[in-house]
Each structure stands twice: as structure tokens, then as C-alpha cells.
PDB file of N, CA and C in Angstrom:
ATOM      1  N   SER A   1       5.287  26.769  25.053  1.00  0.00           N
ATOM      2  CA  SER A   1       3.836  26.640  25.003  1.00  0.00           C
ATOM      3  C   SER A   1       3.360  26.977  23.593  1.00  0.00           C
ATOM      4  N   SER A   2       2.203  26.515  23.272  1.00  0.00           N
ATOM      5  CA  SER A   2       1.636  26.749  21.948  1.00  0.00           C
ATOM      6  C   SER A   2       0.796  28.017  22.001  1.00  0.00           C
ATOM      7  N   PRO A   3       0.804  28.827  20.963  1.00  0.00           N
ATOM      8  CA  PRO A   3       1.466  28.601  19.669  1.00  0.00           C
ATOM      9  C   PRO A   3       2.983  28.828  19.754  1.00  0.00           C
ATOM     10  N   VAL A   4       3.699  28.178  18.829  1.00  0.00           N
ATOM     11  CA  VAL A   4       5.152  28.222  18.782  1.00  0.00           C
ATOM     12  C   VAL A   4       5.576  29.019  17.551  1.00  0.00           C
ATOM     13  N   TYR A   5       6.367  30.075  17.771  1.00  0.00           N
ATOM     14  CA  TYR A   5       6.874  30.852  16.635  1.00  0.00           C
ATOM     15  C   TYR A   5       8.162  30.204  16.136  1.00  0.00           C
ATOM     16  N   VAL A   6       8.236  29.986  14.826  1.00  0.00           N
ATOM     17  CA  VAL A   6       9.414  29.390  14.198  1.00  0.00           C
ATOM     18  C   VAL A   6       9.921  30.357  13.132  1.00  0.00           C
ATOM     19  N   GLU A   7      11.199  30.723  13.229  1.00  0.00           N
ATOM     20  CA  GLU A   7      11.824  31.588  12.229  1.00  0.00           C
ATOM     21  C   GLU A   7      12.698  30.727  11.326  1.00  0.00           C
ATOM     22  N   PHE A   8      12.571  30.933   9.998  1.00  0.00           N
ATOM     23  CA  PHE A   8      13.290  30.129   9.018  1.00  0.00           C
ATOM     24  C   PHE A   8      14.524  30.873   8.533  1.00  0.00           C
ATOM     25  N   GLY A   9      15.557  30.133   8.202  1.00  0.00           N
ATOM     26  CA  GLY A   9      16.767  30.724   7.652  1.00  0.00           C
ATOM     27  C   GLY A   9      17.311  29.859   6.534  1.00  0.00           C
ATOM     28  N   ALA A  10      18.168  30.441   5.716  1.00  0.00           N
ATOM     29  CA  ALA A  10      18.808  29.699   4.627  1.00  0.00           C
ATOM     30  C   ALA A  10      20.160  30.333   4.345  1.00  0.00           C
ATOM     31  N   GLU A  11      21.144  29.499   4.103  1.00  0.00           N
ATOM     32  CA  GLU A  11      22.474  29.987   3.761  1.00  0.00           C
ATOM     33  C   GLU A  11      22.887  29.399   2.420  1.00  0.00           C
ATOM     34  N   GLY A  12      23.417  30.242   1.559  1.00  0.00           N
ATOM     35  CA  GLY A  12      23.909  29.782   0.268  1.00  0.00           C
ATOM     36  C   GLY A  12      22.839  29.588  -0.777  1.00  0.00           C
ATOM     37  N   ILE A  13      21.622  30.046  -0.485  1.00  0.00           N
ATOM     38  CA  ILE A  13      20.507  29.923  -1.424  1.00  0.00           C
ATOM     39  C   ILE A  13      19.547  31.070  -1.133  1.00  0.00           C
ATOM     40  N   GLU A  14      18.805  31.489  -2.134  1.00  0.00           N
ATOM     41  CA  GLU A  14      17.898  32.631  -1.983  1.00  0.00           C
ATOM     42  C   GLU A  14      16.449  32.172  -1.851  1.00  0.00           C
ATOM     43  N   VAL A  15      15.703  32.873  -1.013  1.00  0.00           N
ATOM     44  CA  VAL A  15      14.281  32.585  -0.813  1.00  0.00           C
ATOM     45  C   VAL A  15      13.465  33.408  -1.795  1.00  0.00           C
ATOM     46  N   GLU A  16      12.527  32.745  -2.472  1.00  0.00           N
ATOM     47  CA  GLU A  16      11.587  33.434  -3.358  1.00  0.00           C
ATOM     48  C   GLU A  16      10.290  32.636  -3.406  1.00  0.00           C
ATOM     49  N   PRO A  17       9.190  33.243  -3.838  1.00  0.00           N
ATOM     50  CA  PRO A  17       7.923  32.516  -3.915  1.00  0.00           C
ATOM     51  C   PRO A  17       7.996  31.332  -4.883  1.00  0.00           C
ATOM     52  N   ALA A  18       7.128  30.358  -4.639  1.00  0.00           N
ATOM     53  CA  ALA A  18       7.033  29.171  -5.490  1.00  0.00           C
ATOM     54  C   ALA A  18       6.516  29.544  -6.870  1.00  0.00           C
ATOM     55  N   GLY A  19       6.705  28.631  -7.811  1.00  0.00           N
ATOM     56  CA  GLY A  19       6.140  28.795  -9.144  1.00  0.00           C
ATOM     57  C   GLY A  19       7.170  28.803 -10.239  1.00  0.00           C
ATOM     58  N   VAL A  20       8.350  29.336  -9.976  1.00  0.00           N
ATOM     59  CA  VAL A  20       9.414  29.388 -10.971  1.00  0.00           C
ATOM     60  C   VAL A  20      10.589  28.576 -10.435  1.00  0.00           C
ATOM     61  N   VAL A  21      11.191  27.774 -11.292  1.00  0.00           N
ATOM     62  CA  VAL A  21      12.367  27.006 -10.887  1.00  0.00           C
ATOM     63  C   VAL A  21      13.604  27.717 -11.416  1.00  0.00           C
ATOM     64  N   LYS A  22      14.437  28.194 -10.476  1.00  0.00           N
ATOM     65  CA  LYS A  22      15.689  28.848 -10.830  1.00  0.00           C
ATOM     66  C   LYS A  22      16.778  28.268  -9.936  1.00  0.00           C
ATOM     67  N   ALA A  23      17.925  27.992 -10.522  1.00  0.00           N
ATOM     68  CA  ALA A  23      19.053  27.467  -9.745  1.00  0.00           C
ATOM     69  C   ALA A  23      19.407  28.445  -8.631  1.00  0.00           C
ATOM     70  N   GLY A  24      19.596  27.925  -7.430  1.00  0.00           N
ATOM     71  CA  GLY A  24      19.989  28.755  -6.305  1.00  0.00           C
ATOM     72  C   GLY A  24      18.841  29.438  -5.588  1.00  0.00           C
ATOM     73  N   TYR A  25      17.598  29.094  -5.922  1.00  0.00           N
ATOM     74  CA  TYR A  25      16.419  29.711  -5.320  1.00  0.00           C
ATOM     75  C   TYR A  25      15.432  28.644  -4.864  1.00  0.00           C
ATOM     76  N   GLY A  26      14.547  29.015  -3.961  1.00  0.00           N
ATOM     77  CA  GLY A  26      13.497  28.122  -3.507  1.00  0.00           C
ATOM     78  C   GLY A  26      12.739  28.734  -2.345  1.00  0.00           C
ATOM     79  N   HIS A  27      12.006  27.892  -1.637  1.00  0.00           N
ATOM     80  CA  HIS A  27      11.202  28.366  -0.511  1.00  0.00           C
ATOM     81  C   HIS A  27      11.148  27.288   0.572  1.00  0.00           C
ATOM     82  N   HIS A  28      10.656  27.691   1.737  1.00  0.00           N
ATOM     83  CA  HIS A  28      10.644  26.826   2.917  1.00  0.00           C
ATOM     84  C   HIS A  28       9.368  25.987   3.032  1.00  0.00           C
ATOM     85  N   HIS A  29       9.527  24.890   3.765  1.00  0.00           N
ATOM     86  CA  HIS A  29       8.425  24.033   4.202  1.00  0.00           C
ATOM     87  C   HIS A  29       8.738  23.615   5.630  1.00  0.00           C
ATOM     88  N   VAL A  30       7.719  23.463   6.450  1.00  0.00           N
ATOM     89  CA  VAL A  30       7.893  22.882   7.775  1.00  0.00           C
ATOM     90  C   VAL A  30       7.152  21.555   7.785  1.00  0.00           C
ATOM     91  N   LEU A  31       7.868  20.512   8.171  1.00  0.00           N
ATOM     92  CA  LEU A  31       7.313  19.172   8.265  1.00  0.00           C
ATOM     93  C   LEU A  31       7.202  18.830   9.747  1.00  0.00           C
ATOM     94  N   ILE A  32       6.000  18.572  10.193  1.00  0.00           N
ATOM     95  CA  ILE A  32       5.746  18.306  11.604  1.00  0.00           C
ATOM     96  C   ILE A  32       5.654  16.798  11.811  1.00  0.00           C
ATOM     97  N   ASN A  33       6.571  16.268  12.621  1.00  0.00           N
ATOM     98  CA  ASN A  33       6.637  14.826  12.907  1.00  0.00           C
ATOM     99  C   ASN A  33       6.755  14.007  11.627  1.00  0.00           C
ATOM    100  N   GLU A  34       7.521  14.529  10.685  1.00  0.00           N
ATOM    101  CA  GLU A  34       7.802  13.855   9.414  1.00  0.00           C
ATOM    102  C   GLU A  34       9.312  13.778   9.251  1.00  0.00           C
ATOM    103  N   GLU A  35       9.770  13.057   8.238  1.00  0.00           N
ATOM    104  CA  GLU A  35      11.193  12.915   7.963  1.00  0.00           C
ATOM    105  C   GLU A  35      11.611  13.854   6.831  1.00  0.00           C
ATOM    106  N   ILE A  36      12.914  14.087   6.741  1.00  0.00           N
ATOM    107  CA  ILE A  36      13.466  14.869   5.639  1.00  0.00           C
ATOM    108  C   ILE A  36      13.105  14.182   4.329  1.00  0.00           C
ATOM    109  N   ILE A  37      12.716  14.964   3.343  1.00  0.00           N
ATOM    110  CA  ILE A  37      12.324  14.425   2.039  1.00  0.00           C
ATOM    111  C   ILE A  37      13.569  14.316   1.159  1.00  0.00           C
ATOM    112  N   PRO A  38      13.794  13.155   0.551  1.00  0.00           N
ATOM    113  CA  PRO A  38      14.987  12.975  -0.290  1.00  0.00           C
ATOM    114  C   PRO A  38      15.031  13.985  -1.440  1.00  0.00           C
ATOM    115  N   THR A  39      16.226  14.256  -1.913  1.00  0.00           N
ATOM    116  CA  THR A  39      16.427  15.178  -3.029  1.00  0.00           C
ATOM    117  C   THR A  39      15.536  14.796  -4.205  1.00  0.00           C
ATOM    118  N   GLY A  40      14.797  15.774  -4.721  1.00  0.00           N
ATOM    119  CA  GLY A  40      13.920  15.567  -5.866  1.00  0.00           C
ATOM    120  C   GLY A  40      12.513  15.134  -5.523  1.00  0.00           C
ATOM    121  N   GLY A  41      12.293  14.666  -4.290  1.00  0.00           N
ATOM    122  CA  GLY A  41      10.952  14.282  -3.873  1.00  0.00           C
ATOM    123  C   GLY A  41      10.082  15.517  -3.694  1.00  0.00           C
ATOM    124  N   VAL A  42       8.824  15.408  -4.063  1.00  0.00           N
ATOM    125  CA  VAL A  42       7.902  16.541  -3.942  1.00  0.00           C
ATOM    126  C   VAL A  42       7.360  16.588  -2.517  1.00  0.00           C
ATOM    127  N   VAL A  43       7.388  17.772  -1.925  1.00  0.00           N
ATOM    128  CA  VAL A  43       6.870  17.961  -0.573  1.00  0.00           C
ATOM    129  C   VAL A  43       5.345  17.954  -0.651  1.00  0.00           C
ATOM    130  N   PRO A  44       4.681  17.007   0.031  1.00  0.00           N
ATOM    131  CA  PRO A  44       3.214  17.010   0.000  1.00  0.00           C
ATOM    132  C   PRO A  44       2.663  18.245   0.708  1.00  0.00           C
ATOM    133  N   ALA A  45       1.432  18.576   0.416  1.00  0.00           N
ATOM    134  CA  ALA A  45       0.762  19.702   1.084  1.00  0.00           C
ATOM    135  C   ALA A  45      -0.388  19.140   1.908  1.00  0.00           C
ATOM    136  N   ASN A  46      -0.219  19.179   3.233  1.00  0.00           N
ATOM    137  CA  ASN A  46      -1.272  18.729   4.135  1.00  0.00           C
ATOM    138  C   ASN A  46      -1.021  19.332   5.512  1.00  0.00           C
ATOM    139  N   GLU A  47      -1.732  18.855   6.530  1.00  0.00           N
ATOM    140  CA  GLU A  47      -1.635  19.475   7.846  1.00  0.00           C
ATOM    141  C   GLU A  47      -0.284  19.263   8.531  1.00  0.00           C
ATOM    142  N   THR A  48       0.515  18.298   8.073  1.00  0.00           N
ATOM    143  CA  THR A  48       1.830  18.079   8.673  1.00  0.00           C
ATOM    144  C   THR A  48       2.987  18.469   7.756  1.00  0.00           C
ATOM    145  N   ASN A  49       2.706  18.876   6.553  1.00  0.00           N
ATOM    146  CA  ASN A  49       3.708  19.346   5.588  1.00  0.00           C
ATOM    147  C   ASN A  49       3.250  20.717   5.108  1.00  0.00           C
ATOM    148  N   ILE A  50       3.733  21.748   5.768  1.00  0.00           N
ATOM    149  CA  ILE A  50       3.219  23.096   5.538  1.00  0.00           C
ATOM    150  C   ILE A  50       4.116  23.830   4.550  1.00  0.00           C
ATOM    151  N   HIS A  51       3.510  24.359   3.495  1.00  0.00           N
ATOM    152  CA  HIS A  51       4.221  25.070   2.440  1.00  0.00           C
ATOM    153  C   HIS A  51       4.238  26.571   2.721  1.00  0.00           C
ATOM    154  N   TYR A  52       5.373  27.181   2.424  1.00  0.00           N
ATOM    155  CA  TYR A  52       5.519  28.632   2.538  1.00  0.00           C
ATOM    156  C   TYR A  52       5.912  29.171   1.167  1.00  0.00           C
ATOM    157  N   GLY A  53       5.061  28.882   0.201  1.00  0.00           N
ATOM    158  CA  GLY A  53       5.306  29.237  -1.196  1.00  0.00           C
ATOM    159  C   GLY A  53       5.246  30.720  -1.487  1.00  0.00           C
ATOM    160  N   GLY A  54       4.870  31.518  -0.506  1.00  0.00           N
ATOM    161  CA  GLY A  54       4.888  32.964  -0.688  1.00  0.00           C
ATOM    162  C   GLY A  54       6.245  33.570  -0.370  1.00  0.00           C
ATOM    163  N   GLY A  55       7.193  32.707   0.007  1.00  0.00           N
ATOM    164  CA  GLY A  55       8.519  33.190   0.367  1.00  0.00           C
ATOM    165  C   GLY A  55       8.629  33.611   1.829  1.00  0.00           C
ATOM    166  N   GLN A  56       7.687  33.169   2.664  1.00  0.00           N
ATOM    167  CA  GLN A  56       7.698  33.523   4.080  1.00  0.00           C
ATOM    168  C   GLN A  56       8.964  32.995   4.769  1.00  0.00           C
ATOM    169  N   THR A  57       9.370  33.709   5.818  1.00  0.00           N
ATOM    170  CA  THR A  57      10.558  33.307   6.573  1.00  0.00           C
ATOM    171  C   THR A  57      10.251  33.083   8.049  1.00  0.00           C
ATOM    172  N   GLY A  58       8.995  32.833   8.371  1.00  0.00           N
ATOM    173  CA  GLY A  58       8.601  32.518   9.735  1.00  0.00           C
ATOM    174  C   GLY A  58       7.108  32.274   9.815  1.00  0.00           C
ATOM    175  N   ASP A  59       6.687  31.613  10.911  1.00  0.00           N
ATOM    176  CA  ASP A  59       5.268  31.335  11.100  1.00  0.00           C
ATOM    177  C   ASP A  59       5.038  30.936  12.556  1.00  0.00           C
ATOM    178  N   THR A  60       3.800  31.034  12.971  1.00  0.00           N
ATOM    179  CA  THR A  60       3.368  30.580  14.280  1.00  0.00           C
ATOM    180  C   THR A  60       2.611  29.273  14.095  1.00  0.00           C
ATOM    181  N   LEU A  61       3.066  28.214  14.779  1.00  0.00           N
ATOM    182  CA  LEU A  61       2.463  26.888  14.656  1.00  0.00           C
ATOM    183  C   LEU A  61       1.677  26.556  15.909  1.00  0.00           C
ATOM    184  N   ASP A  62       0.466  26.046  15.726  1.00  0.00           N
ATOM    185  CA  ASP A  62      -0.326  25.534  16.844  1.00  0.00           C
ATOM    186  C   ASP A  62       0.003  24.059  16.996  1.00  0.00           C
ATOM    187  N   LEU A  63       0.722  23.726  18.051  1.00  0.00           N
ATOM    188  CA  LEU A  63       1.126  22.345  18.293  1.00  0.00           C
ATOM    189  C   LEU A  63       0.536  21.869  19.611  1.00  0.00           C
ATOM    190  N   PRO A  64       0.026  20.638  19.647  1.00  0.00           N
ATOM    191  CA  PRO A  64      -0.479  20.115  20.917  1.00  0.00           C
ATOM    192  C   PRO A  64       0.667  19.836  21.885  1.00  0.00           C
ATOM    193  N   ALA A  65       0.344  19.712  23.165  1.00  0.00           N
ATOM    194  CA  ALA A  65       1.355  19.395  24.169  1.00  0.00           C
ATOM    195  C   ALA A  65       2.055  18.094  23.806  1.00  0.00           C
ATOM    196  N   GLY A  66       3.348  18.048  24.100  1.00  0.00           N
ATOM    197  CA  GLY A  66       4.137  16.853  23.824  1.00  0.00           C
ATOM    198  C   GLY A  66       5.389  17.201  23.058  1.00  0.00           C
ATOM    199  N   THR A  67       6.147  16.162  22.695  1.00  0.00           N
ATOM    200  CA  THR A  67       7.384  16.346  21.951  1.00  0.00           C
ATOM    201  C   THR A  67       7.102  16.171  20.466  1.00  0.00           C
ATOM    202  N   HIS A  68       7.656  17.090  19.673  1.00  0.00           N
ATOM    203  CA  HIS A  68       7.446  17.079  18.225  1.00  0.00           C
ATOM    204  C   HIS A  68       8.783  17.243  17.513  1.00  0.00           C
ATOM    205  N   THR A  69       8.886  16.612  16.352  1.00  0.00           N
ATOM    206  CA  THR A  69      10.029  16.820  15.473  1.00  0.00           C
ATOM    207  C   THR A  69       9.603  17.807  14.404  1.00  0.00           C
ATOM    208  N   LEU A  70      10.403  18.866  14.221  1.00  0.00           N
ATOM    209  CA  LEU A  70      10.143  19.844  13.161  1.00  0.00           C
ATOM    210  C   LEU A  70      11.292  19.775  12.171  1.00  0.00           C
ATOM    211  N   VAL A  71      10.954  19.637  10.894  1.00  0.00           N
ATOM    212  CA  VAL A  71      11.950  19.666   9.830  1.00  0.00           C
ATOM    213  C   VAL A  71      11.712  20.919   9.013  1.00  0.00           C
ATOM    214  N   LEU A  72      12.753  21.728   8.857  1.00  0.00           N
ATOM    215  CA  LEU A  72      12.709  22.843   7.926  1.00  0.00           C
ATOM    216  C   LEU A  72      13.303  22.331   6.628  1.00  0.00           C
ATOM    217  N   GLN A  73      12.471  22.200   5.601  1.00  0.00           N
ATOM    218  CA  GLN A  73      12.883  21.609   4.326  1.00  0.00           C
ATOM    219  C   GLN A  73      12.811  22.663   3.236  1.00  0.00           C
ATOM    220  N   PHE A  74      13.909  22.907   2.560  1.00  0.00           N
ATOM    221  CA  PHE A  74      13.946  23.858   1.454  1.00  0.00           C
ATOM    222  C   PHE A  74      13.683  23.107   0.162  1.00  0.00           C
ATOM    223  N   ALA A  75      12.934  23.730  -0.748  1.00  0.00           N
ATOM    224  CA  ALA A  75      12.586  23.085  -2.010  1.00  0.00           C
ATOM    225  C   ALA A  75      12.539  24.126  -3.114  1.00  0.00           C
ATOM    226  N   ASP A  76      12.557  23.647  -4.359  1.00  0.00           N
ATOM    227  CA  ASP A  76      12.536  24.561  -5.504  1.00  0.00           C
ATOM    228  C   ASP A  76      11.127  25.089  -5.753  1.00  0.00           C
ATOM    229  N   GLY A  77      10.975  25.868  -6.803  1.00  0.00           N
ATOM    230  CA  GLY A  77       9.704  26.503  -7.118  1.00  0.00           C
ATOM    231  C   GLY A  77       8.562  25.556  -7.411  1.00  0.00           C
ATOM    232  N   MET A  78       8.878  24.278  -7.671  1.00  0.00           N
ATOM    233  CA  MET A  78       7.854  23.262  -7.914  1.00  0.00           C
ATOM    234  C   MET A  78       7.723  22.319  -6.714  1.00  0.00           C
ATOM    235  N   HIS A  79       8.241  22.735  -5.552  1.00  0.00           N
ATOM    236  CA  HIS A  79       8.156  21.994  -4.289  1.00  0.00           C
ATOM    237  C   HIS A  79       8.976  20.702  -4.290  1.00  0.00           C
ATOM    238  N   ARG A  80       9.995  20.626  -5.154  1.00  0.00           N
ATOM    239  CA  ARG A  80      10.883  19.464  -5.161  1.00  0.00           C
ATOM    240  C   ARG A  80      12.013  19.713  -4.160  1.00  0.00           C
ATOM    241  N   SER A  81      12.168  18.794  -3.247  1.00  0.00           N
ATOM    242  CA  SER A  81      13.107  18.928  -2.143  1.00  0.00           C
ATOM    243  C   SER A  81      14.556  19.038  -2.610  1.00  0.00           C
ATOM    244  N   TYR A  82      15.302  19.884  -1.905  1.00  0.00           N
ATOM    245  CA  TYR A  82      16.755  19.936  -2.081  1.00  0.00           C
ATOM    246  C   TYR A  82      17.429  18.900  -1.181  1.00  0.00           C
ATOM    247  N   GLY A  83      16.651  18.097  -0.486  1.00  0.00           N
ATOM    248  CA  GLY A  83      17.181  17.005   0.320  1.00  0.00           C
ATOM    249  C   GLY A  83      17.814  17.441   1.620  1.00  0.00           C
ATOM    250  N   GLU A  84      18.598  16.519   2.176  1.00  0.00           N
ATOM    251  CA  GLU A  84      19.201  16.721   3.490  1.00  0.00           C
ATOM    252  C   GLU A  84      20.162  17.904   3.530  1.00  0.00           C
ATOM    253  N   ALA A  85      20.776  18.222   2.388  1.00  0.00           N
ATOM    254  CA  ALA A  85      21.743  19.331   2.347  1.00  0.00           C
ATOM    255  C   ALA A  85      21.098  20.668   2.710  1.00  0.00           C
ATOM    256  N   LEU A  86      19.805  20.818   2.416  1.00  0.00           N
ATOM    257  CA  LEU A  86      19.102  22.071   2.727  1.00  0.00           C
ATOM    258  C   LEU A  86      17.882  21.787   3.608  1.00  0.00           C
ATOM    259  N   ALA A  87      18.153  21.054   4.679  1.00  0.00           N
ATOM    260  CA  ALA A  87      17.116  20.739   5.660  1.00  0.00           C
ATOM    261  C   ALA A  87      17.739  20.794   7.049  1.00  0.00           C
ATOM    262  N   ALA A  88      16.906  21.056   8.031  1.00  0.00           N
ATOM    263  CA  ALA A  88      17.343  21.030   9.429  1.00  0.00           C
ATOM    264  C   ALA A  88      16.231  20.395  10.242  1.00  0.00           C
ATOM    265  N   LYS A  89      16.621  19.603  11.233  1.00  0.00           N
ATOM    266  CA  LYS A  89      15.646  18.889  12.070  1.00  0.00           C
ATOM    267  C   LYS A  89      15.917  19.236  13.526  1.00  0.00           C
ATOM    268  N   ILE A  90      14.831  19.574  14.251  1.00  0.00           N
ATOM    269  CA  ILE A  90      14.932  19.813  15.690  1.00  0.00           C
ATOM    270  C   ILE A  90      13.768  19.121  16.387  1.00  0.00           C
ATOM    271  N   SER A  91      13.921  18.909  17.671  1.00  0.00           N
ATOM    272  CA  SER A  91      12.834  18.422  18.513  1.00  0.00           C
ATOM    273  C   SER A  91      12.438  19.549  19.460  1.00  0.00           C
ATOM    274  N   VAL A  92      11.139  19.708  19.643  1.00  0.00           N
ATOM    275  CA  VAL A  92      10.625  20.698  20.584  1.00  0.00           C
ATOM    276  C   VAL A  92       9.621  20.012  21.507  1.00  0.00           C
ATOM    277  N   THR A  93       9.576  20.470  22.735  1.00  0.00           N
ATOM    278  CA  THR A  93       8.599  19.963  23.686  1.00  0.00           C
ATOM    279  C   THR A  93       7.656  21.101  24.023  1.00  0.00           C
ATOM    280  N   VAL A  94       6.389  20.887  23.759  1.00  0.00           N
ATOM    281  CA  VAL A  94       5.348  21.882  24.019  1.00  0.00           C
ATOM    282  C   VAL A  94       4.659  21.488  25.325  1.00  0.00           C
ATOM    283  N   GLU A  95       4.587  22.451  26.231  1.00  0.00           N
ATOM    284  CA  GLU A  95       3.936  22.186  27.531  1.00  0.00           C
ATOM    285  C   GLU A  95       2.479  22.562  27.493  1.00  0.00           C
TER     286      GLU A  95
END
């Protein structure tokens, strides 16, 4: 049921706030009913592409009833995607 709590994780890379680009570091984004962003593509900021540039590792999402695809997309300090290698996709059904 909504709201849905989502906890983010990362292996082999460190989480830090956006703004600085350093090899091996970045931050999370949740893409709601969107596709994985190719490597180097900039993650847009809107109601379906949520940025966690503060280095957050979880959030509560208000999702309407139905089935949704959630993509956890990791990106560098300038919101450039690390691509499929650092992304995970799941489907959730909200009652």
C-alpha cells in the first residue's frame, strides 16, 4: 500500500552528495515507470525521475494503486548515469 518505503543500496561504489565528480562516487535516483538511462545520459529532474543528490539512501514514495516499474539509477555528481551496470529494476504492485 502507499506510501511505499524504498531503501537504496550500492556495491563497489560510494554514495556522496551531488556536485562533485569523483571516480567511484555518486548518488541515487529513482525512476518511476521509466527506463534505465544509458551510460553518460543525464538523469532528468521531474515527478518521475527523483534525485537524491543529498546522498540519501532511502525514501517514502506516494504511488497510486496499480503496477509500477521502479529503477534505482546511480549517477555521478553531475547526474550523469552510470548506466545499466549500476542500476536495478523492479516491479511493484500497490493496492
